[in-house]
Amino acid sequence: MMGVTVGLGVDTAETPRTVQPRGHLPGETSMWFFVIGDLLIFAAYFVSYMYYRGQDHAVFLQSQAQVNLSVGIVNTVVLLTSSLFVALGTSAARVGRTAEARRWFCAALGCGVAFPLLKMCEYIPEITAGMTPGTNLFFMYYFVMTGMHLCHVLLGLVILCFVIRALRGPTTPRISFVETGATYWHMVDVLWLILFALLYLMR
């Protein structure tokens, strides 16, 4: 506990900065257009999945029982924890605690890296056992939607790396840049929560 306090504690040596006013839209507007567009694309997949699930509920239910719920739960915890660290890092950056913000974002990156590794541990046994996108409609949606989400996670990890790099620079980074990275990562988290509910939990 003491190590965590020292590693992620408040950096009192840095100059505080004014907190953003209430009602402030975090990040760049262009990122919000991207996020909304991405959510609409996934929403179309979600609606289509629900329609075909209703058409052949028994097959979907039987197939759903074969996915690894334990790995899904661990990945959910990993992403939620990572998003918490990103939120804490963004809050620290807003008040000028750059070193603390960098540590939180590094912790978020560490959690985020665990997600694709766990996903591979899930995919490989499933594919080896003959569960592929060509097996049935459930597995087609499962691999397409989780595969698209995995690509988003990988891009998000790259974005987090750029944020960490900016926080290591000699000058204080633009808060809008940090917030833009955080906005994207939170979107990745929200998408996974919906996918987890649809593909792993819904009965």
N, C-alpha and C. Protein backbone atom coordinates (compact mmCIF):
# COMPACT_ATOMS: atom_id res chain seq x y z
N MET A 1 0.84 -1.20 0.00
CA MET A 1 0.00 0.00 0.00
C MET A 1 0.87 1.24 0.00
N MET A 2 2.00 1.19 0.81
CA MET A 2 2.88 2.34 0.86
C MET A 2 3.52 2.59 -0.49
N GLY A 3 3.88 1.48 -1.22
CA GLY A 3 4.50 1.63 -2.53
C GLY A 3 3.57 2.28 -3.52
N VAL A 4 2.28 1.91 -3.44
CA VAL A 4 1.30 2.52 -4.34
C VAL A 4 1.16 3.99 -4.04
N THR A 5 1.17 4.34 -2.76
CA THR A 5 1.01 5.74 -2.37
C THR A 5 2.15 6.57 -2.88
N VAL A 6 3.38 6.02 -2.77
CA VAL A 6 4.55 6.76 -3.23
C VAL A 6 4.54 6.87 -4.75
N GLY A 7 4.21 5.76 -5.43
CA GLY A 7 4.28 5.73 -6.89
C GLY A 7 3.23 6.57 -7.55
N LEU A 8 2.05 6.66 -6.94
CA LEU A 8 0.94 7.35 -7.59
C LEU A 8 0.44 8.52 -6.75
N GLY A 9 1.22 8.98 -5.86
CA GLY A 9 0.78 10.04 -4.96
C GLY A 9 0.76 11.40 -5.62
N VAL A 10 0.32 12.39 -4.88
CA VAL A 10 0.22 13.76 -5.37
C VAL A 10 1.60 14.36 -5.51
N ASP A 11 1.88 15.01 -6.63
CA ASP A 11 3.17 15.63 -6.88
C ASP A 11 3.06 17.09 -6.47
N THR A 12 3.47 17.37 -5.24
CA THR A 12 3.28 18.72 -4.71
C THR A 12 4.25 19.72 -5.29
N ALA A 13 5.28 19.22 -6.01
CA ALA A 13 6.29 20.13 -6.55
C ALA A 13 5.81 20.84 -7.80
N GLU A 14 4.71 20.39 -8.38
CA GLU A 14 4.26 20.97 -9.63
C GLU A 14 3.22 22.04 -9.37
N THR A 15 3.17 22.98 -10.26
CA THR A 15 2.28 24.10 -10.09
C THR A 15 0.86 23.73 -10.48
N PRO A 16 -0.13 23.93 -9.58
CA PRO A 16 -1.51 23.61 -9.93
C PRO A 16 -2.01 24.48 -11.06
N ARG A 17 -2.92 23.96 -11.82
CA ARG A 17 -3.52 24.70 -12.91
C ARG A 17 -5.02 24.84 -12.67
N THR A 18 -5.63 25.80 -13.29
CA THR A 18 -7.05 26.04 -13.10
C THR A 18 -7.87 24.86 -13.62
N VAL A 19 -8.82 24.41 -12.84
CA VAL A 19 -9.69 23.31 -13.23
C VAL A 19 -10.64 23.79 -14.31
N GLN A 20 -10.95 22.91 -15.27
CA GLN A 20 -11.87 23.27 -16.35
C GLN A 20 -13.24 23.62 -15.79
N PRO A 21 -13.91 24.61 -16.38
CA PRO A 21 -15.23 24.99 -15.89
C PRO A 21 -16.25 23.89 -16.07
N ARG A 22 -17.27 23.92 -15.22
CA ARG A 22 -18.34 22.93 -15.31
C ARG A 22 -19.04 23.08 -16.66
N GLY A 23 -19.36 21.94 -17.29
CA GLY A 23 -20.01 21.97 -18.60
C GLY A 23 -19.02 21.92 -19.75
N HIS A 24 -17.72 21.92 -19.43
CA HIS A 24 -16.68 21.84 -20.46
C HIS A 24 -16.72 20.49 -21.15
N LEU A 25 -16.69 20.49 -22.51
CA LEU A 25 -16.65 19.25 -23.29
C LEU A 25 -15.20 18.81 -23.40
N PRO A 26 -14.82 17.68 -22.77
CA PRO A 26 -13.41 17.28 -22.77
C PRO A 26 -12.93 16.84 -24.15
N GLY A 27 -11.68 17.16 -24.45
CA GLY A 27 -11.07 16.70 -25.70
C GLY A 27 -11.43 17.55 -26.90
N GLU A 28 -10.92 17.11 -28.05
CA GLU A 28 -11.16 17.80 -29.31
C GLU A 28 -12.53 17.42 -29.88
N THR A 29 -13.17 18.36 -30.53
CA THR A 29 -14.48 18.12 -31.13
C THR A 29 -14.41 17.02 -32.18
N SER A 30 -13.31 16.96 -32.92
CA SER A 30 -13.16 15.94 -33.97
C SER A 30 -13.21 14.53 -33.37
N MET A 31 -12.66 14.35 -32.17
CA MET A 31 -12.71 13.04 -31.53
C MET A 31 -14.15 12.67 -31.17
N TRP A 32 -14.93 13.64 -30.76
CA TRP A 32 -16.33 13.34 -30.43
C TRP A 32 -17.12 12.94 -31.67
N PHE A 33 -16.83 13.55 -32.83
CA PHE A 33 -17.48 13.12 -34.08
C PHE A 33 -17.10 11.68 -34.39
N PHE A 34 -15.82 11.35 -34.19
CA PHE A 34 -15.36 9.99 -34.43
C PHE A 34 -16.04 9.01 -33.47
N VAL A 35 -16.10 9.36 -32.19
CA VAL A 35 -16.70 8.50 -31.18
C VAL A 35 -18.17 8.25 -31.49
N ILE A 36 -18.90 9.30 -31.80
CA ILE A 36 -20.33 9.15 -32.10
C ILE A 36 -20.54 8.29 -33.34
N GLY A 37 -19.72 8.53 -34.38
CA GLY A 37 -19.84 7.72 -35.59
C GLY A 37 -19.53 6.25 -35.32
N ASP A 38 -18.51 6.01 -34.52
CA ASP A 38 -18.13 4.65 -34.17
C ASP A 38 -19.24 3.96 -33.38
N LEU A 39 -19.83 4.68 -32.44
CA LEU A 39 -20.91 4.11 -31.64
C LEU A 39 -22.12 3.77 -32.51
N LEU A 40 -22.38 4.59 -33.52
CA LEU A 40 -23.50 4.32 -34.43
C LEU A 40 -23.24 3.05 -35.25
N ILE A 41 -21.98 2.87 -35.69
CA ILE A 41 -21.64 1.66 -36.44
C ILE A 41 -21.83 0.42 -35.58
N PHE A 42 -21.32 0.47 -34.37
CA PHE A 42 -21.49 -0.67 -33.46
C PHE A 42 -22.96 -0.87 -33.12
N ALA A 43 -23.71 0.23 -32.99
CA ALA A 43 -25.14 0.10 -32.68
C ALA A 43 -25.86 -0.69 -33.77
N ALA A 44 -25.47 -0.48 -35.03
CA ALA A 44 -26.07 -1.23 -36.14
C ALA A 44 -25.78 -2.73 -35.98
N TYR A 45 -24.55 -3.06 -35.59
CA TYR A 45 -24.22 -4.46 -35.33
C TYR A 45 -25.02 -5.02 -34.16
N PHE A 46 -25.18 -4.23 -33.11
CA PHE A 46 -25.93 -4.69 -31.94
C PHE A 46 -27.39 -4.99 -32.30
N VAL A 47 -28.00 -4.10 -33.07
CA VAL A 47 -29.40 -4.28 -33.47
C VAL A 47 -29.52 -5.52 -34.36
N SER A 48 -28.59 -5.68 -35.31
CA SER A 48 -28.61 -6.84 -36.19
C SER A 48 -28.43 -8.13 -35.40
N TYR A 49 -27.52 -8.11 -34.43
CA TYR A 49 -27.29 -9.28 -33.57
C TYR A 49 -28.56 -9.65 -32.81
N MET A 50 -29.21 -8.67 -32.23
CA MET A 50 -30.43 -8.92 -31.47
C MET A 50 -31.54 -9.48 -32.35
N TYR A 51 -31.63 -8.99 -33.59
CA TYR A 51 -32.66 -9.48 -34.52
C TYR A 51 -32.44 -10.97 -34.81
N TYR A 52 -31.22 -11.33 -35.21
CA TYR A 52 -30.95 -12.73 -35.57
C TYR A 52 -30.96 -13.64 -34.34
N ARG A 53 -30.62 -13.09 -33.20
CA ARG A 53 -30.73 -13.88 -31.98
C ARG A 53 -32.19 -14.25 -31.71
N GLY A 54 -33.08 -13.30 -31.96
CA GLY A 54 -34.51 -13.57 -31.79
C GLY A 54 -35.03 -14.58 -32.78
N GLN A 55 -34.41 -14.65 -33.96
CA GLN A 55 -34.85 -15.60 -34.98
C GLN A 55 -34.42 -17.04 -34.67
N ASP A 56 -33.28 -17.19 -33.99
CA ASP A 56 -32.77 -18.54 -33.71
C ASP A 56 -32.17 -18.56 -32.30
N HIS A 57 -33.02 -18.34 -31.33
CA HIS A 57 -32.58 -18.16 -29.95
C HIS A 57 -31.85 -19.39 -29.42
N ALA A 58 -32.31 -20.59 -29.77
CA ALA A 58 -31.72 -21.82 -29.24
C ALA A 58 -30.27 -21.97 -29.68
N VAL A 59 -29.98 -21.73 -30.95
CA VAL A 59 -28.62 -21.85 -31.46
C VAL A 59 -27.71 -20.81 -30.80
N PHE A 60 -28.20 -19.59 -30.69
CA PHE A 60 -27.40 -18.53 -30.06
C PHE A 60 -27.11 -18.87 -28.61
N LEU A 61 -28.11 -19.38 -27.91
CA LEU A 61 -27.94 -19.71 -26.49
C LEU A 61 -26.95 -20.85 -26.31
N GLN A 62 -27.07 -21.87 -27.17
CA GLN A 62 -26.16 -23.01 -27.09
C GLN A 62 -24.72 -22.59 -27.41
N SER A 63 -24.56 -21.75 -28.41
CA SER A 63 -23.23 -21.28 -28.79
C SER A 63 -22.63 -20.37 -27.72
N GLN A 64 -23.48 -19.53 -27.15
CA GLN A 64 -23.02 -18.60 -26.13
C GLN A 64 -22.45 -19.33 -24.92
N ALA A 65 -22.99 -20.51 -24.62
CA ALA A 65 -22.53 -21.30 -23.48
C ALA A 65 -21.10 -21.80 -23.68
N GLN A 66 -20.59 -21.73 -24.92
CA GLN A 66 -19.26 -22.25 -25.21
C GLN A 66 -18.16 -21.19 -25.10
N VAL A 67 -18.54 -19.92 -24.97
CA VAL A 67 -17.52 -18.88 -24.84
C VAL A 67 -17.02 -18.87 -23.39
N ASN A 68 -15.80 -18.35 -23.21
CA ASN A 68 -15.15 -18.38 -21.90
C ASN A 68 -15.59 -17.19 -21.06
N LEU A 69 -16.56 -17.43 -20.19
CA LEU A 69 -17.10 -16.35 -19.35
C LEU A 69 -16.05 -15.83 -18.39
N SER A 70 -15.20 -16.70 -17.87
CA SER A 70 -14.19 -16.28 -16.89
C SER A 70 -13.22 -15.26 -17.49
N VAL A 71 -12.76 -15.53 -18.71
CA VAL A 71 -11.86 -14.58 -19.37
C VAL A 71 -12.60 -13.28 -19.66
N GLY A 72 -13.87 -13.39 -20.04
CA GLY A 72 -14.67 -12.20 -20.29
C GLY A 72 -14.79 -11.33 -19.06
N ILE A 73 -14.99 -11.95 -17.90
CA ILE A 73 -15.10 -11.20 -16.65
C ILE A 73 -13.78 -10.51 -16.31
N VAL A 74 -12.68 -11.26 -16.45
CA VAL A 74 -11.36 -10.68 -16.15
C VAL A 74 -11.07 -9.51 -17.07
N ASN A 75 -11.39 -9.65 -18.36
CA ASN A 75 -11.16 -8.56 -19.31
C ASN A 75 -12.03 -7.35 -18.97
N THR A 76 -13.22 -7.59 -18.48
CA THR A 76 -14.09 -6.47 -18.08
C THR A 76 -13.48 -5.72 -16.90
N VAL A 77 -12.98 -6.45 -15.91
CA VAL A 77 -12.33 -5.83 -14.76
C VAL A 77 -11.09 -5.06 -15.19
N VAL A 78 -10.32 -5.65 -16.12
CA VAL A 78 -9.10 -5.02 -16.61
C VAL A 78 -9.42 -3.67 -17.27
N LEU A 79 -10.43 -3.65 -18.14
CA LEU A 79 -10.76 -2.40 -18.84
C LEU A 79 -11.36 -1.36 -17.89
N LEU A 80 -12.22 -1.80 -16.97
CA LEU A 80 -12.79 -0.86 -16.00
C LEU A 80 -11.70 -0.23 -15.14
N THR A 81 -10.76 -1.05 -14.70
CA THR A 81 -9.65 -0.53 -13.90
C THR A 81 -8.80 0.44 -14.71
N SER A 82 -8.55 0.08 -15.96
CA SER A 82 -7.76 0.96 -16.83
C SER A 82 -8.45 2.30 -17.04
N SER A 83 -9.77 2.26 -17.23
CA SER A 83 -10.52 3.51 -17.42
C SER A 83 -10.49 4.37 -16.15
N LEU A 84 -10.52 3.71 -14.98
CA LEU A 84 -10.41 4.45 -13.73
C LEU A 84 -9.07 5.17 -13.66
N PHE A 85 -7.99 4.47 -14.03
CA PHE A 85 -6.66 5.08 -14.01
C PHE A 85 -6.57 6.24 -14.99
N VAL A 86 -7.20 6.10 -16.16
CA VAL A 86 -7.21 7.18 -17.15
C VAL A 86 -7.95 8.40 -16.60
N ALA A 87 -9.08 8.16 -15.93
CA ALA A 87 -9.84 9.27 -15.34
C ALA A 87 -9.02 9.98 -14.27
N LEU A 88 -8.33 9.20 -13.43
CA LEU A 88 -7.49 9.80 -12.39
C LEU A 88 -6.32 10.57 -13.00
N GLY A 89 -5.74 10.01 -14.07
CA GLY A 89 -4.64 10.69 -14.74
C GLY A 89 -5.09 11.99 -15.39
N THR A 90 -6.26 11.98 -15.99
CA THR A 90 -6.79 13.19 -16.62
C THR A 90 -7.06 14.26 -15.57
N SER A 91 -7.63 13.86 -14.44
CA SER A 91 -7.90 14.82 -13.36
C SER A 91 -6.61 15.43 -12.85
N ALA A 92 -5.56 14.61 -12.71
CA ALA A 92 -4.27 15.12 -12.25
C ALA A 92 -3.67 16.09 -13.27
N ALA A 93 -3.79 15.76 -14.56
CA ALA A 93 -3.24 16.64 -15.61
C ALA A 93 -3.95 17.98 -15.63
N ARG A 94 -5.24 17.97 -15.35
CA ARG A 94 -6.02 19.21 -15.38
C ARG A 94 -5.55 20.22 -14.34
N VAL A 95 -5.05 19.74 -13.23
CA VAL A 95 -4.60 20.66 -12.17
C VAL A 95 -3.08 20.79 -12.15
N GLY A 96 -2.42 20.34 -13.21
CA GLY A 96 -0.99 20.57 -13.37
C GLY A 96 -0.09 19.56 -12.72
N ARG A 97 -0.62 18.44 -12.20
CA ARG A 97 0.22 17.42 -11.58
C ARG A 97 0.66 16.43 -12.67
N THR A 98 1.57 16.88 -13.52
CA THR A 98 1.94 16.13 -14.71
C THR A 98 2.59 14.79 -14.39
N ALA A 99 3.50 14.77 -13.43
CA ALA A 99 4.19 13.51 -13.09
C ALA A 99 3.20 12.48 -12.55
N GLU A 100 2.28 12.92 -11.72
CA GLU A 100 1.26 12.01 -11.21
C GLU A 100 0.38 11.50 -12.34
N ALA A 101 -0.01 12.42 -13.24
CA ALA A 101 -0.84 12.03 -14.39
C ALA A 101 -0.13 10.98 -15.23
N ARG A 102 1.16 11.16 -15.43
CA ARG A 102 1.93 10.20 -16.23
C ARG A 102 1.91 8.82 -15.58
N ARG A 103 2.04 8.77 -14.27
CA ARG A 103 2.03 7.48 -13.58
C ARG A 103 0.68 6.79 -13.71
N TRP A 104 -0.40 7.56 -13.60
CA TRP A 104 -1.73 6.97 -13.76
C TRP A 104 -1.92 6.43 -15.17
N PHE A 105 -1.48 7.18 -16.17
CA PHE A 105 -1.63 6.72 -17.56
C PHE A 105 -0.76 5.50 -17.84
N CYS A 106 0.42 5.43 -17.22
CA CYS A 106 1.26 4.23 -17.37
C CYS A 106 0.56 3.01 -16.76
N ALA A 107 -0.09 3.22 -15.61
CA ALA A 107 -0.84 2.12 -14.99
C ALA A 107 -2.00 1.69 -15.88
N ALA A 108 -2.66 2.68 -16.50
CA ALA A 108 -3.77 2.38 -17.42
C ALA A 108 -3.27 1.59 -18.62
N LEU A 109 -2.10 1.97 -19.13
CA LEU A 109 -1.52 1.27 -20.28
C LEU A 109 -1.20 -0.17 -19.90
N GLY A 110 -0.67 -0.38 -18.70
CA GLY A 110 -0.36 -1.74 -18.26
C GLY A 110 -1.59 -2.62 -18.21
N CYS A 111 -2.69 -2.08 -17.68
CA CYS A 111 -3.95 -2.84 -17.65
C CYS A 111 -4.46 -3.08 -19.07
N GLY A 112 -4.35 -2.04 -19.90
CA GLY A 112 -4.84 -2.17 -21.27
C GLY A 112 -4.11 -3.22 -22.06
N VAL A 113 -2.80 -3.36 -21.86
CA VAL A 113 -2.01 -4.37 -22.57
C VAL A 113 -2.48 -5.78 -22.22
N ALA A 114 -2.98 -5.95 -20.99
CA ALA A 114 -3.45 -7.28 -20.58
C ALA A 114 -4.66 -7.73 -21.39
N PHE A 115 -5.46 -6.78 -21.88
CA PHE A 115 -6.70 -7.13 -22.59
C PHE A 115 -6.43 -7.96 -23.85
N PRO A 116 -5.61 -7.50 -24.82
CA PRO A 116 -5.38 -8.33 -26.01
C PRO A 116 -4.69 -9.65 -25.70
N LEU A 117 -3.84 -9.67 -24.67
CA LEU A 117 -3.19 -10.93 -24.30
C LEU A 117 -4.22 -11.95 -23.81
N LEU A 118 -5.14 -11.49 -22.98
CA LEU A 118 -6.21 -12.36 -22.50
C LEU A 118 -7.14 -12.77 -23.64
N LYS A 119 -7.36 -11.84 -24.58
CA LYS A 119 -8.23 -12.14 -25.71
C LYS A 119 -7.64 -13.25 -26.57
N MET A 120 -6.32 -13.24 -26.74
CA MET A 120 -5.68 -14.31 -27.49
C MET A 120 -5.81 -15.65 -26.76
N CYS A 121 -5.73 -15.59 -25.42
CA CYS A 121 -5.92 -16.82 -24.63
C CYS A 121 -7.34 -17.35 -24.76
N GLU A 122 -8.26 -16.48 -25.14
CA GLU A 122 -9.65 -16.88 -25.35
C GLU A 122 -9.87 -17.37 -26.78
N TYR A 123 -9.33 -16.63 -27.74
CA TYR A 123 -9.54 -16.95 -29.15
C TYR A 123 -8.92 -18.29 -29.54
N ILE A 124 -7.66 -18.50 -29.14
CA ILE A 124 -6.91 -19.66 -29.63
C ILE A 124 -7.59 -20.99 -29.28
N PRO A 125 -7.99 -21.22 -28.02
CA PRO A 125 -8.69 -22.48 -27.72
C PRO A 125 -10.02 -22.62 -28.46
N GLU A 126 -10.73 -21.49 -28.64
CA GLU A 126 -12.01 -21.55 -29.35
C GLU A 126 -11.81 -21.96 -30.80
N ILE A 127 -10.86 -21.34 -31.47
CA ILE A 127 -10.60 -21.65 -32.87
C ILE A 127 -10.07 -23.08 -33.01
N THR A 128 -9.20 -23.48 -32.08
CA THR A 128 -8.67 -24.85 -32.10
C THR A 128 -9.78 -25.88 -31.94
N ALA A 129 -10.80 -25.53 -31.15
CA ALA A 129 -11.93 -26.44 -30.93
C ALA A 129 -12.94 -26.41 -32.07
N GLY A 130 -12.67 -25.61 -33.11
CA GLY A 130 -13.56 -25.58 -34.27
C GLY A 130 -14.61 -24.50 -34.24
N MET A 131 -14.52 -23.60 -33.26
CA MET A 131 -15.47 -22.48 -33.20
C MET A 131 -14.89 -21.31 -33.99
N THR A 132 -15.40 -21.09 -35.19
CA THR A 132 -14.90 -20.05 -36.09
C THR A 132 -16.06 -19.20 -36.58
N PRO A 133 -15.78 -18.10 -37.27
CA PRO A 133 -16.88 -17.28 -37.81
C PRO A 133 -17.81 -18.04 -38.75
N GLY A 134 -17.33 -19.14 -39.32
CA GLY A 134 -18.16 -19.92 -40.22
C GLY A 134 -19.00 -20.98 -39.53
N THR A 135 -18.88 -21.10 -38.21
CA THR A 135 -19.62 -22.14 -37.49
C THR A 135 -21.12 -21.87 -37.52
N ASN A 136 -21.52 -20.70 -37.11
CA ASN A 136 -22.93 -20.27 -37.16
C ASN A 136 -23.00 -18.76 -37.00
N LEU A 137 -24.21 -18.21 -36.99
CA LEU A 137 -24.36 -16.75 -36.91
C LEU A 137 -23.83 -16.18 -35.61
N PHE A 138 -24.02 -16.91 -34.51
CA PHE A 138 -23.52 -16.38 -33.24
C PHE A 138 -22.02 -16.16 -33.31
N PHE A 139 -21.28 -17.16 -33.75
CA PHE A 139 -19.83 -17.03 -33.78
C PHE A 139 -19.37 -16.05 -34.84
N MET A 140 -20.15 -15.88 -35.89
CA MET A 140 -19.82 -14.83 -36.86
C MET A 140 -19.86 -13.46 -36.18
N TYR A 141 -20.98 -13.18 -35.48
CA TYR A 141 -21.09 -11.90 -34.76
C TYR A 141 -20.05 -11.80 -33.65
N TYR A 142 -19.83 -12.89 -32.95
CA TYR A 142 -18.87 -12.91 -31.84
C TYR A 142 -17.48 -12.49 -32.31
N PHE A 143 -16.98 -13.14 -33.36
CA PHE A 143 -15.63 -12.85 -33.83
C PHE A 143 -15.54 -11.50 -34.53
N VAL A 144 -16.58 -11.13 -35.28
CA VAL A 144 -16.54 -9.84 -35.97
C VAL A 144 -16.57 -8.69 -34.96
N MET A 145 -17.50 -8.74 -34.02
CA MET A 145 -17.66 -7.62 -33.08
C MET A 145 -16.51 -7.55 -32.08
N THR A 146 -16.11 -8.70 -31.53
CA THR A 146 -14.99 -8.66 -30.59
C THR A 146 -13.68 -8.37 -31.32
N GLY A 147 -13.56 -8.81 -32.58
CA GLY A 147 -12.37 -8.51 -33.37
C GLY A 147 -12.26 -7.03 -33.67
N MET A 148 -13.39 -6.40 -34.04
CA MET A 148 -13.39 -4.96 -34.27
C MET A 148 -13.04 -4.22 -32.98
N HIS A 149 -13.60 -4.69 -31.87
CA HIS A 149 -13.30 -4.04 -30.60
C HIS A 149 -11.83 -4.20 -30.24
N LEU A 150 -11.25 -5.37 -30.50
CA LEU A 150 -9.84 -5.60 -30.23
C LEU A 150 -8.96 -4.62 -31.02
N CYS A 151 -9.33 -4.35 -32.27
CA CYS A 151 -8.60 -3.36 -33.07
C CYS A 151 -8.68 -1.98 -32.42
N HIS A 152 -9.84 -1.65 -31.87
CA HIS A 152 -10.01 -0.37 -31.17
C HIS A 152 -9.13 -0.32 -29.92
N VAL A 153 -9.03 -1.44 -29.21
CA VAL A 153 -8.17 -1.49 -28.03
C VAL A 153 -6.72 -1.25 -28.42
N LEU A 154 -6.27 -1.90 -29.48
CA LEU A 154 -4.88 -1.75 -29.92
C LEU A 154 -4.59 -0.30 -30.32
N LEU A 155 -5.54 0.32 -31.03
CA LEU A 155 -5.38 1.73 -31.37
C LEU A 155 -5.36 2.59 -30.10
N GLY A 156 -6.23 2.23 -29.15
CA GLY A 156 -6.28 2.96 -27.88
C GLY A 156 -4.96 2.89 -27.13
N LEU A 157 -4.30 1.73 -27.18
CA LEU A 157 -3.00 1.58 -26.52
C LEU A 157 -1.96 2.50 -27.15
N VAL A 158 -2.02 2.62 -28.48
CA VAL A 158 -1.10 3.53 -29.17
C VAL A 158 -1.37 4.97 -28.73
N ILE A 159 -2.65 5.33 -28.63
CA ILE A 159 -3.02 6.68 -28.21
C ILE A 159 -2.53 6.95 -26.79
N LEU A 160 -2.70 5.97 -25.89
CA LEU A 160 -2.22 6.14 -24.51
C LEU A 160 -0.70 6.35 -24.49
N CYS A 161 0.01 5.67 -25.38
CA CYS A 161 1.47 5.85 -25.46
C CYS A 161 1.81 7.28 -25.86
N PHE A 162 1.06 7.85 -26.79
CA PHE A 162 1.29 9.24 -27.20
C PHE A 162 0.99 10.21 -26.05
N VAL A 163 -0.07 9.91 -25.29
CA VAL A 163 -0.39 10.77 -24.14
C VAL A 163 0.73 10.71 -23.11
N ILE A 164 1.22 9.50 -22.81
CA ILE A 164 2.32 9.35 -21.85
C ILE A 164 3.56 10.08 -22.35
N ARG A 165 3.83 9.97 -23.64
CA ARG A 165 4.98 10.67 -24.21
C ARG A 165 4.85 12.17 -24.03
N ALA A 166 3.64 12.70 -24.26
CA ALA A 166 3.40 14.13 -24.09
C ALA A 166 3.58 14.55 -22.64
N LEU A 167 3.15 13.69 -21.72
CA LEU A 167 3.28 14.00 -20.30
C LEU A 167 4.73 13.92 -19.82
N ARG A 168 5.61 13.29 -20.59
CA ARG A 168 7.03 13.20 -20.24
C ARG A 168 7.82 14.37 -20.83
N GLY A 169 7.21 15.15 -21.69
CA GLY A 169 7.92 16.22 -22.37
C GLY A 169 8.36 17.33 -21.42
N PRO A 170 9.27 18.18 -21.91
CA PRO A 170 9.78 19.29 -21.07
C PRO A 170 8.72 20.36 -20.80
N THR A 171 7.72 20.42 -21.67
CA THR A 171 6.66 21.42 -21.48
C THR A 171 5.36 20.72 -21.10
N THR A 172 4.49 21.46 -20.46
CA THR A 172 3.19 20.91 -20.05
C THR A 172 2.34 20.67 -21.29
N PRO A 173 1.80 19.46 -21.46
CA PRO A 173 0.99 19.17 -22.66
C PRO A 173 -0.35 19.89 -22.63
N ARG A 174 -0.93 20.06 -23.80
CA ARG A 174 -2.27 20.62 -23.87
C ARG A 174 -3.26 19.67 -23.20
N ILE A 175 -4.09 20.20 -22.33
CA ILE A 175 -5.06 19.37 -21.63
C ILE A 175 -6.04 18.74 -22.62
N SER A 176 -6.36 19.47 -23.69
CA SER A 176 -7.30 18.93 -24.67
C SER A 176 -6.75 17.65 -25.32
N PHE A 177 -5.43 17.56 -25.45
CA PHE A 177 -4.80 16.36 -26.02
C PHE A 177 -4.96 15.18 -25.07
N VAL A 178 -4.72 15.43 -23.78
CA VAL A 178 -4.88 14.37 -22.77
C VAL A 178 -6.34 13.93 -22.72
N GLU A 179 -7.25 14.88 -22.74
CA GLU A 179 -8.68 14.57 -22.68
C GLU A 179 -9.15 13.82 -23.91
N THR A 180 -8.57 14.14 -25.06
CA THR A 180 -8.94 13.44 -26.30
C THR A 180 -8.57 11.96 -26.21
N GLY A 181 -7.37 11.69 -25.72
CA GLY A 181 -6.96 10.30 -25.53
C GLY A 181 -7.85 9.58 -24.53
N ALA A 182 -8.20 10.27 -23.45
CA ALA A 182 -9.07 9.69 -22.42
C ALA A 182 -10.46 9.40 -22.98
N THR A 183 -10.97 10.30 -23.79
CA THR A 183 -12.30 10.12 -24.39
C THR A 183 -12.35 8.86 -25.24
N TYR A 184 -11.32 8.67 -26.05
CA TYR A 184 -11.28 7.46 -26.90
C TYR A 184 -11.23 6.21 -26.04
N TRP A 185 -10.40 6.22 -25.00
CA TRP A 185 -10.25 5.02 -24.17
C TRP A 185 -11.55 4.69 -23.43
N HIS A 186 -12.26 5.71 -22.98
CA HIS A 186 -13.54 5.47 -22.30
C HIS A 186 -14.57 4.89 -23.28
N MET A 187 -14.51 5.33 -24.55
CA MET A 187 -15.41 4.75 -25.56
C MET A 187 -15.14 3.26 -25.73
N VAL A 188 -13.86 2.89 -25.77
CA VAL A 188 -13.48 1.48 -25.88
C VAL A 188 -14.07 0.68 -24.72
N ASP A 189 -14.04 1.26 -23.53
CA ASP A 189 -14.58 0.61 -22.34
C ASP A 189 -16.09 0.43 -22.45
N VAL A 190 -16.79 1.48 -22.87
CA VAL A 190 -18.25 1.41 -23.00
C VAL A 190 -18.66 0.34 -24.01
N LEU A 191 -17.96 0.30 -25.14
CA LEU A 191 -18.27 -0.71 -26.16
C LEU A 191 -18.10 -2.12 -25.61
N TRP A 192 -17.04 -2.33 -24.83
CA TRP A 192 -16.82 -3.67 -24.29
C TRP A 192 -17.92 -4.06 -23.30
N LEU A 193 -18.37 -3.11 -22.48
CA LEU A 193 -19.43 -3.43 -21.52
C LEU A 193 -20.69 -3.91 -22.24
N ILE A 194 -21.02 -3.28 -23.38
CA ILE A 194 -22.19 -3.70 -24.15
C ILE A 194 -21.94 -5.07 -24.76
N LEU A 195 -20.75 -5.26 -25.34
CA LEU A 195 -20.42 -6.56 -25.95
C LEU A 195 -20.44 -7.67 -24.90
N PHE A 196 -19.90 -7.39 -23.74
CA PHE A 196 -19.87 -8.39 -22.68
C PHE A 196 -21.29 -8.79 -22.27
N ALA A 197 -22.17 -7.80 -22.18
CA ALA A 197 -23.57 -8.10 -21.82
C ALA A 197 -24.26 -8.92 -22.90
N LEU A 198 -24.04 -8.55 -24.17
CA LEU A 198 -24.73 -9.23 -25.27
C LEU A 198 -24.18 -10.64 -25.53
N LEU A 199 -22.86 -10.78 -25.54
CA LEU A 199 -22.24 -12.03 -25.96
C LEU A 199 -22.00 -13.03 -24.83
N TYR A 200 -21.86 -12.52 -23.61
CA TYR A 200 -21.51 -13.41 -22.50
C TYR A 200 -22.63 -13.60 -21.48
N LEU A 201 -23.42 -12.56 -21.24
CA LEU A 201 -24.37 -12.61 -20.13
C LEU A 201 -25.81 -12.82 -20.54
N MET A 202 -26.22 -12.26 -21.66
CA MET A 202 -27.64 -12.32 -22.06
C MET A 202 -28.11 -13.77 -22.25
N ARG A 203 -29.25 -14.06 -21.68
CA ARG A 203 -29.83 -15.40 -21.82
C ARG A 203 -31.23 -15.32 -22.42
